[in-house]
Amino acid sequence: MKKPELVLPAGSMEKLRYAFAFGADAVYAGPPDTSLRANLNDFDLAKLIKAVEYTHCIEKKIYITLNLFAHEDDLGAVEKYVRELSEVRPDAFVVSDPGVVRLIETMKSKVPLHISTQANITNSESVKFWKEAGAVRVVLARELHFSEIKKIKELTKNIELEIFIHGAMCMAYSGRCLLSNALTGRDANRGRCAQTCRWRYYLVEETRPTEPFQIDQDERGTYILNSKDLCLIDKIPSLKDLEIDAYKIEGRTKNIFYVSLAAKAYRKVIDDVFDHNVNEVEDEVFALLDLTDNHGYTHGFTFADGSPKQNVQEMENKKQNFAGLIEGISEDKVMIKVKNPISAGDKVIAISPDEKVSLTILDMLENGRNVDRASGAQKQRVKATVDVHLKGDGWEFGIISKP
């Protein structure tokens, strides 16, 4: 049985490198103005070209996202990216707008087409439609149940299917949200989502504007507009029999910590299930994912159980534990690029693509001077003395986490 491709998000070259180091088979990335990620996206055309070249140099795959719902004044930018990027041959363009598909067709680009989840593909006839339009892969809508995915797979041939298995979910239908536009003027369907569904809300009666009512959640307000995050890692054994071609993880605006740990966790489980017929997911894998920033986890629509609150977040975001990146090791010394506060005496976890080691920071030097605490401000770097020697390969991609 063919093992599914593990597809990770890449919002920058650095995230791309970490995604591959921690186990991704492919990444998806795109320019801010045409790929539904206008914020926290470091890629311009020149960087995307370098990303394609780097990816192919290490014999991996990269998919370029051009999946906005294009307005008339967007088409010029789309045409520019297609023309320039086609020269370096990324492994696919990921699109959703039929007009963009037609534009690429008229330009006679030889880059394969993947159809984005934004196209809301929920049945086999839609898959066949996009196949006839030239697509080689479609990303199915998140709103599908396991049984529906199975049926679509049975009824479609000679086209690849991809599904999301992890990451944030939109409360709107596959991202077709107007809330951000209504409250902030930032169009989510053109990559400028303000994450307004993540805000705290209270109910206010018209004649009592100074008396907001809490909607029975917690003392900080309600999160009724807010979805839990999708997590299907314990369902990989069940998904195996569907023979889906690719598993995708959401998160181009997430940090290196999230990308790396998600890649590491899913890489292990996919390899265990497909290479060694392991059907139980270890607690250690769940612990890795729980270190990352999340809104609580759900199986989403894929394994929906009918519970009215199964997808609704009822708590504040779990705060992440990302402490820093390892930039060098020598015996008991670790050079750390600090991302969030750490102090001498802290117990931390050092994570590489191959290892996970518990450490205690004994002391820290910054520019040769002892410091008790490092906040991570202004690209702060410290040399930490730790109680365990880190050995072996892979620590050039090492990460420091709080427990």
Protein backbone atom coordinates (compact mmCIF):
# COMPACT_ATOMS: atom_id res chain seq x y z
CA MET A 1 0.00 0.00 0.00
CA LYS A 2 1.33 3.42 -0.99
CA LYS A 3 2.19 5.65 1.97
CA PRO A 4 0.45 9.05 1.88
CA GLU A 5 2.49 12.18 1.35
CA LEU A 6 2.83 14.37 4.46
CA VAL A 7 2.28 18.01 3.43
CA LEU A 8 3.32 20.77 5.84
CA PRO A 9 2.77 24.55 5.74
CA ALA A 10 5.67 26.92 5.05
CA GLY A 11 5.27 30.62 5.78
CA SER A 12 8.97 31.37 5.36
CA MET A 13 12.20 29.76 4.15
CA GLU A 14 13.15 28.99 7.74
CA LYS A 15 9.85 27.21 8.41
CA LEU A 16 10.25 25.33 5.14
CA ARG A 17 13.67 24.00 6.18
CA TYR A 18 12.41 22.92 9.59
CA ALA A 19 9.34 21.26 8.09
CA PHE A 20 11.53 19.10 5.85
CA ALA A 21 14.04 18.39 8.63
CA PHE A 22 11.26 17.11 10.90
CA GLY A 23 9.71 14.83 8.29
CA ALA A 24 7.59 16.60 5.66
CA ASP A 25 7.48 15.05 2.19
CA ALA A 26 6.17 18.28 0.71
CA VAL A 27 5.32 21.83 1.72
CA TYR A 28 2.89 24.43 0.44
CA ALA A 29 3.76 28.12 0.28
CA GLY A 30 2.65 31.18 -1.62
CA PRO A 31 2.92 34.93 -2.11
CA PRO A 32 1.01 37.10 0.38
CA ASP A 33 -1.29 38.74 -2.14
CA THR A 34 -2.67 35.67 -3.92
CA SER A 35 -2.50 32.75 -1.49
CA LEU A 36 -4.97 33.51 1.34
CA ARG A 37 -2.11 34.37 3.72
CA ALA A 38 -1.47 38.09 3.51
CA ASN A 39 -0.28 38.23 7.12
CA LEU A 40 2.85 36.64 8.65
CA ASN A 41 3.97 35.50 5.22
CA ASP A 42 7.62 36.11 4.38
CA PHE A 43 7.53 34.98 0.75
CA ASP A 44 7.91 37.24 -2.25
CA LEU A 45 8.59 36.05 -5.79
CA ALA A 46 12.37 35.89 -5.38
CA LYS A 47 12.10 33.89 -2.14
CA LEU A 48 9.58 31.50 -3.68
CA ILE A 49 11.96 30.81 -6.54
CA LYS A 50 14.72 30.06 -4.01
CA ALA A 51 12.29 27.86 -2.06
CA VAL A 52 11.54 25.79 -5.16
CA GLU A 53 15.23 25.42 -5.95
CA TYR A 54 16.09 24.41 -2.36
CA THR A 55 13.22 21.92 -2.19
CA HIS A 56 14.18 20.20 -5.40
CA CYS A 57 17.82 20.14 -4.32
CA ILE A 58 16.87 17.96 -1.34
CA GLU A 59 14.50 15.90 -3.54
CA LYS A 60 11.30 17.01 -1.85
CA LYS A 61 8.18 18.70 -3.26
CA ILE A 62 6.73 22.20 -3.03
CA TYR A 63 3.26 23.37 -3.99
CA ILE A 64 2.66 27.06 -4.69
CA THR A 65 -0.66 28.38 -3.41
CA LEU A 66 -2.56 30.79 -5.68
CA ASN A 67 -5.88 29.94 -4.09
CA LEU A 68 -7.54 33.29 -3.51
CA PHE A 69 -10.98 34.13 -4.89
CA ALA A 70 -9.60 36.54 -7.45
CA HIS A 71 -11.12 39.95 -8.07
CA GLU A 72 -10.42 41.58 -11.41
CA ASP A 73 -7.43 43.52 -10.10
CA ASP A 74 -5.87 40.32 -8.71
CA LEU A 75 -5.48 38.64 -12.08
CA GLY A 76 -2.39 40.58 -13.10
CA ALA A 77 -0.51 39.40 -10.01
CA VAL A 78 -1.63 35.81 -10.56
CA GLU A 79 -0.43 35.94 -14.16
CA LYS A 80 2.96 37.31 -13.04
CA TYR A 81 3.48 34.54 -10.47
CA VAL A 82 2.42 31.81 -12.89
CA ARG A 83 4.73 33.12 -15.61
CA GLU A 84 7.80 33.55 -13.39
CA LEU A 85 7.38 30.46 -11.23
CA SER A 86 6.65 28.19 -14.17
CA GLU A 87 10.27 28.73 -15.19
CA VAL A 88 11.50 26.87 -12.07
CA ARG A 89 8.72 24.26 -12.18
CA PRO A 90 7.22 23.92 -8.70
CA ASP A 91 5.48 20.59 -8.23
CA ALA A 92 2.00 22.14 -8.44
CA PHE A 93 -0.03 25.31 -8.31
CA VAL A 94 -2.79 25.08 -5.70
CA VAL A 95 -5.85 27.01 -6.95
CA SER A 96 -9.55 27.36 -6.20
CA ASP A 97 -10.97 29.97 -8.57
CA PRO A 98 -12.18 28.61 -11.96
CA GLY A 99 -11.02 31.87 -13.52
CA VAL A 100 -7.50 31.29 -12.23
CA VAL A 101 -7.61 27.73 -13.60
CA ARG A 102 -8.62 29.09 -17.00
CA LEU A 103 -5.92 31.77 -16.88
CA ILE A 104 -3.22 29.18 -16.14
CA GLU A 105 -4.55 27.02 -18.96
CA THR A 106 -4.37 29.88 -21.47
CA MET A 107 -0.77 30.56 -20.39
CA LYS A 108 0.09 26.93 -21.23
CA SER A 109 1.99 26.42 -17.98
CA LYS A 110 3.31 22.89 -17.57
CA VAL A 111 3.02 23.00 -13.78
CA PRO A 112 0.39 20.51 -12.50
CA LEU A 113 -2.78 21.85 -10.84
CA HIS A 114 -4.09 20.98 -7.37
CA ILE A 115 -7.55 22.23 -6.41
CA SER A 116 -7.68 23.85 -2.98
CA THR A 117 -10.08 22.99 -0.18
CA GLN A 118 -11.50 26.49 -0.80
CA ALA A 119 -13.27 25.02 -3.83
CA ASN A 120 -15.57 23.11 -1.44
CA ILE A 121 -15.26 19.71 -3.09
CA THR A 122 -17.79 17.48 -1.35
CA ASN A 123 -18.76 14.84 -3.93
CA SER A 124 -17.36 12.58 -6.64
CA GLU A 125 -18.90 14.56 -9.51
CA SER A 126 -17.01 17.66 -8.40
CA VAL A 127 -13.80 15.64 -8.34
CA LYS A 128 -14.49 14.45 -11.88
CA PHE A 129 -15.27 18.01 -12.98
CA TRP A 130 -11.90 19.26 -11.76
CA LYS A 131 -10.14 16.26 -13.29
CA GLU A 132 -11.66 17.15 -16.67
CA ALA A 133 -10.50 20.75 -16.08
CA GLY A 134 -6.93 19.50 -15.84
CA ALA A 135 -6.35 18.96 -12.11
CA VAL A 136 -4.15 16.08 -10.96
CA ARG A 137 -5.13 16.40 -7.28
CA VAL A 138 -8.03 17.82 -5.29
CA VAL A 139 -8.07 18.76 -1.61
CA LEU A 140 -11.41 17.60 -0.24
CA ALA A 141 -13.54 19.88 1.96
CA ARG A 142 -13.07 19.54 5.71
CA GLU A 143 -16.85 19.14 6.08
CA LEU A 144 -16.81 15.55 4.81
CA HIS A 145 -17.38 12.52 7.02
CA PHE A 146 -15.14 9.46 6.81
CA SER A 147 -17.89 7.51 5.02
CA GLU A 148 -18.24 10.26 2.39
CA ILE A 149 -14.49 10.37 1.76
CA LYS A 150 -14.52 6.60 1.34
CA LYS A 151 -17.34 6.79 -1.21
CA ILE A 152 -15.62 9.55 -3.19
CA LYS A 153 -12.44 7.48 -3.30
CA GLU A 154 -14.38 4.47 -4.62
CA LEU A 155 -16.10 6.51 -7.35
CA THR A 156 -13.08 8.43 -8.67
CA LYS A 157 -10.08 7.16 -10.59
CA ASN A 158 -6.81 8.59 -11.89
CA ILE A 159 -6.85 11.69 -9.73
CA GLU A 160 -5.16 12.17 -6.36
CA LEU A 161 -7.11 12.99 -3.21
CA GLU A 162 -5.76 15.04 -0.30
CA ILE A 163 -7.36 15.69 3.08
CA PHE A 164 -6.60 17.91 6.05
CA ILE A 165 -5.62 15.98 9.17
CA HIS A 166 -4.49 18.72 11.56
CA GLY A 167 -4.76 22.42 12.31
CA ALA A 168 -7.09 25.35 12.84
CA MET A 169 -10.59 25.18 11.40
CA CYS A 170 -12.78 28.07 10.28
CA MET A 171 -16.29 28.37 11.70
CA ALA A 172 -17.41 29.32 8.19
CA TYR A 173 -17.78 26.78 5.42
CA SER A 174 -14.24 25.86 4.35
CA GLY A 175 -13.01 29.36 4.93
CA ARG A 176 -15.80 31.26 3.18
CA CYS A 177 -16.14 33.74 6.02
CA LEU A 178 -17.59 37.26 6.00
CA LEU A 179 -17.12 38.01 9.71
CA SER A 180 -13.63 39.46 9.30
CA ASN A 181 -14.77 41.62 6.41
CA ALA A 182 -17.82 42.89 8.29
CA LEU A 183 -15.99 43.84 11.50
CA THR A 184 -12.59 44.96 10.22
CA GLY A 185 -12.85 45.41 6.46
CA ARG A 186 -10.23 42.67 5.98
CA ASP A 187 -11.38 40.08 3.43
CA ALA A 188 -10.66 36.53 4.58
CA ASN A 189 -11.33 35.23 1.09
CA ARG A 190 -8.40 37.29 -0.21
CA GLY A 191 -5.96 36.27 2.50
CA ARG A 192 -6.50 39.05 5.05
CA CYS A 193 -8.48 37.28 7.79
CA ALA A 194 -8.33 39.15 11.11
CA GLN A 195 -9.23 36.00 13.08
CA THR A 196 -12.34 37.73 14.42
CA CYS A 197 -13.89 34.38 15.35
CA ARG A 198 -11.10 34.05 17.96
CA TRP A 199 -12.19 37.21 19.81
CA ARG A 200 -14.19 37.13 23.04
CA TYR A 201 -17.89 37.90 22.67
CA TYR A 202 -20.69 38.89 25.02
CA LEU A 203 -24.43 39.14 24.40
CA VAL A 204 -25.82 42.69 24.69
CA GLU A 205 -29.53 43.56 24.79
CA GLU A 206 -30.37 46.66 22.72
CA THR A 207 -31.75 48.80 25.57
CA ARG A 208 -28.99 47.82 28.02
CA PRO A 209 -25.76 48.50 26.13
CA THR A 210 -23.74 48.81 29.36
CA GLU A 211 -24.89 45.43 30.69
CA PRO A 212 -23.21 42.67 28.65
CA PHE A 213 -24.46 39.17 29.38
CA GLN A 214 -22.10 36.23 29.58
CA ILE A 215 -23.15 33.23 27.47
CA ASP A 216 -22.44 30.55 30.07
CA GLN A 217 -18.87 29.64 29.17
CA ASP A 218 -16.25 31.06 31.50
CA GLU A 219 -15.34 34.27 33.27
CA ARG A 220 -13.54 35.64 30.23
CA GLY A 221 -16.50 35.47 27.85
CA THR A 222 -17.72 32.93 25.34
CA TYR A 223 -15.94 31.31 22.45
CA ILE A 224 -19.10 30.18 20.68
CA LEU A 225 -17.79 31.52 17.34
CA ASN A 226 -14.48 29.74 17.83
CA SER A 227 -13.61 26.26 16.57
CA LYS A 228 -11.37 23.70 18.18
CA ASP A 229 -8.40 22.54 16.11
CA LEU A 230 -8.59 19.47 13.92
CA CYS A 231 -6.43 16.56 15.08
CA LEU A 232 -6.71 13.16 13.42
CA ILE A 233 -3.41 11.69 14.58
CA ASP A 234 -5.12 8.89 16.50
CA LYS A 235 -7.28 8.14 13.46
CA ILE A 236 -4.41 7.47 11.04
CA PRO A 237 -4.90 3.68 11.43
CA SER A 238 -8.54 4.11 10.38
CA LEU A 239 -7.65 6.41 7.50
CA LYS A 240 -5.09 3.93 6.16
CA ASP A 241 -7.64 1.82 4.32
CA LEU A 242 -8.96 4.83 2.40
CA GLU A 243 -5.67 5.00 0.46
CA ILE A 244 -5.70 8.81 0.41
CA ASP A 245 -2.74 10.23 -1.51
CA ALA A 246 -1.78 13.10 0.81
CA TYR A 247 -2.35 14.27 4.38
CA LYS A 248 -2.16 18.02 4.89
CA ILE A 249 -1.47 20.08 8.00
CA GLU A 250 -2.79 23.65 8.29
CA GLY A 251 -0.67 26.52 9.60
CA ARG A 252 1.30 28.80 7.27
CA THR A 253 1.08 31.61 9.84
CA LYS A 254 2.13 29.35 12.72
CA ASN A 255 5.68 29.40 14.08
CA ILE A 256 8.61 27.03 13.61
CA PHE A 257 7.79 25.26 16.87
CA TYR A 258 4.32 24.26 15.65
CA VAL A 259 5.50 23.25 12.18
CA SER A 260 8.36 21.15 13.53
CA LEU A 261 6.43 19.31 16.23
CA ALA A 262 3.43 18.66 13.98
CA ALA A 263 5.75 17.24 11.32
CA LYS A 264 7.62 15.10 13.87
CA ALA A 265 4.43 13.72 15.43
CA TYR A 266 2.64 12.85 12.19
CA ARG A 267 5.82 11.54 10.54
CA LYS A 268 6.23 9.01 13.34
CA VAL A 269 2.62 7.86 13.30
CA ILE A 270 2.40 7.59 9.50
CA ASP A 271 5.61 5.57 9.40
CA ASP A 272 4.48 3.35 12.28
CA VAL A 273 1.09 2.67 10.70
CA PHE A 274 2.13 2.22 7.06
CA ASP A 275 5.58 0.67 7.47
CA HIS A 276 5.12 -1.42 10.60
CA ASN A 277 1.32 -2.00 10.87
CA VAL A 278 1.19 -0.32 14.29
CA ASN A 279 -2.40 0.54 15.20
CA GLU A 280 -1.88 2.25 18.56
CA VAL A 281 -0.67 5.84 18.85
CA GLU A 282 1.79 6.42 21.69
CA ASP A 283 1.02 8.94 24.42
CA GLU A 284 4.36 10.60 23.67
CA VAL A 285 3.01 11.72 20.28
CA PHE A 286 0.00 13.41 21.85
CA ALA A 287 2.35 15.07 24.33
CA LEU A 288 4.35 16.57 21.46
CA LEU A 289 1.26 18.10 19.86
CA ASP A 290 0.00 19.36 23.21
CA LEU A 291 3.15 21.47 23.58
CA THR A 292 2.05 23.60 20.63
CA ASP A 293 -0.39 26.49 20.74
CA ASN A 294 -3.89 25.06 20.18
CA HIS A 295 -7.57 25.69 20.86
CA GLY A 296 -8.35 22.20 22.09
CA TYR A 297 -8.61 19.29 19.68
CA THR A 298 -11.47 17.67 17.77
CA HIS A 299 -11.90 15.00 15.11
CA GLY A 300 -13.93 17.58 13.22
CA PHE A 301 -16.48 16.42 10.66
CA THR A 302 -14.35 13.47 9.55
CA PHE A 303 -15.30 11.40 12.60
CA ALA A 304 -18.25 13.47 13.85
CA ASP A 305 -20.11 11.88 16.75
CA GLY A 306 -23.17 14.13 16.75
CA SER A 307 -22.21 16.06 19.88
CA PRO A 308 -23.46 19.68 19.55
CA LYS A 309 -20.26 21.07 21.13
CA GLN A 310 -17.68 18.70 19.66
CA ASN A 311 -16.12 21.42 17.49
CA VAL A 312 -16.74 24.50 19.67
CA GLN A 313 -13.91 25.88 21.76
CA GLU A 314 -14.88 26.43 25.39
CA MET A 315 -11.62 27.81 26.71
CA GLU A 316 -8.90 30.31 25.94
CA ASN A 317 -6.04 29.31 23.68
CA LYS A 318 -3.57 26.95 25.29
CA LYS A 319 -0.41 29.01 25.52
CA GLN A 320 2.56 27.58 23.66
CA ASN A 321 5.78 26.47 25.27
CA PHE A 322 8.20 27.58 22.55
CA ALA A 323 11.35 28.80 24.34
CA GLY A 324 13.97 28.99 21.60
CA LEU A 325 16.00 27.52 18.75
CA ILE A 326 19.30 25.70 19.21
CA GLU A 327 22.03 27.35 17.14
CA GLY A 328 24.99 25.31 18.36
CA ILE A 329 26.10 22.71 20.91
CA SER A 330 29.44 21.90 22.55
CA GLU A 331 29.54 19.39 25.39
CA ASP A 332 27.38 20.95 28.13
CA LYS A 333 26.95 24.29 26.34
CA VAL A 334 23.95 25.14 24.16
CA MET A 335 23.64 28.34 22.13
CA ILE A 336 19.98 29.36 22.18
CA LYS A 337 18.16 31.93 20.07
CA VAL A 338 15.56 32.89 22.66
CA LYS A 339 11.94 33.15 21.53
CA ASN A 340 10.09 33.32 24.87
CA PRO A 341 11.33 33.89 28.44
CA ILE A 342 13.68 31.34 30.01
CA SER A 343 15.59 31.49 33.29
CA ALA A 344 18.53 29.80 34.96
CA GLY A 345 17.16 26.79 36.82
CA ASP A 346 14.39 26.12 34.28
CA LYS A 347 13.67 22.55 33.30
CA VAL A 348 13.26 22.42 29.52
CA ILE A 349 12.97 19.91 26.69
CA ALA A 350 15.41 19.84 23.78
CA ILE A 351 13.78 18.41 20.64
CA SER A 352 15.50 17.46 17.38
CA PRO A 353 14.12 15.51 14.39
CA ASP A 354 15.41 12.33 16.05
CA GLU A 355 15.47 12.98 19.79
CA LYS A 356 13.67 14.48 22.77
CA VAL A 357 15.84 15.18 25.84
CA SER A 358 14.93 16.70 29.22
CA LEU A 359 17.43 19.30 30.46
CA THR A 360 17.97 21.76 33.27
CA ILE A 361 19.48 25.15 32.46
CA LEU A 362 22.21 25.64 35.06
CA ASP A 363 23.31 29.13 34.04
CA MET A 364 23.31 31.47 31.03
CA LEU A 365 25.74 33.91 29.43
CA GLU A 366 24.77 36.79 27.20
CA ASN A 367 27.68 38.54 25.49
CA GLY A 368 29.99 36.98 28.10
CA ARG A 369 27.98 38.16 31.11
CA ASN A 370 25.91 36.01 33.46
CA VAL A 371 22.16 36.54 33.20
CA ASP A 372 19.43 34.97 35.31
CA ARG A 373 16.67 35.49 32.77
CA ALA A 374 16.37 35.97 29.02
CA SER A 375 13.15 37.43 27.65
CA GLY A 376 13.72 36.81 23.96
CA ALA A 377 13.48 40.48 23.04
CA GLN A 378 15.52 41.90 20.15
CA LYS A 379 16.73 38.55 18.78
CA GLN A 380 18.40 37.70 22.08
CA ARG A 381 20.92 34.86 22.15
CA VAL A 382 22.38 33.13 25.21
CA LYS A 383 24.94 30.41 25.85
CA ALA A 384 23.35 28.05 28.36
CA THR A 385 25.12 25.48 30.50
CA VAL A 386 22.91 22.39 30.82
CA ASP A 387 23.07 19.21 32.86
CA VAL A 388 23.00 16.80 29.88
CA HIS A 389 25.36 16.66 26.90
CA LEU A 390 23.46 16.74 23.60
CA LYS A 391 25.03 14.33 21.12
CA GLY A 392 24.27 13.02 17.65
CA ASP A 393 23.03 14.56 14.42
CA GLY A 394 20.08 16.84 13.82
CA TRP A 395 20.67 19.43 16.54
CA GLU A 396 21.18 22.16 13.93
CA PHE A 397 17.38 22.00 13.80
CA GLY A 398 17.02 21.68 17.58
CA ILE A 399 14.20 23.37 19.50
CA ILE A 400 13.90 24.28 23.18
CA SER A 401 10.47 23.85 24.78
CA LYS A 402 9.06 24.44 28.22
CA PRO A 403 7.57 21.20 29.60
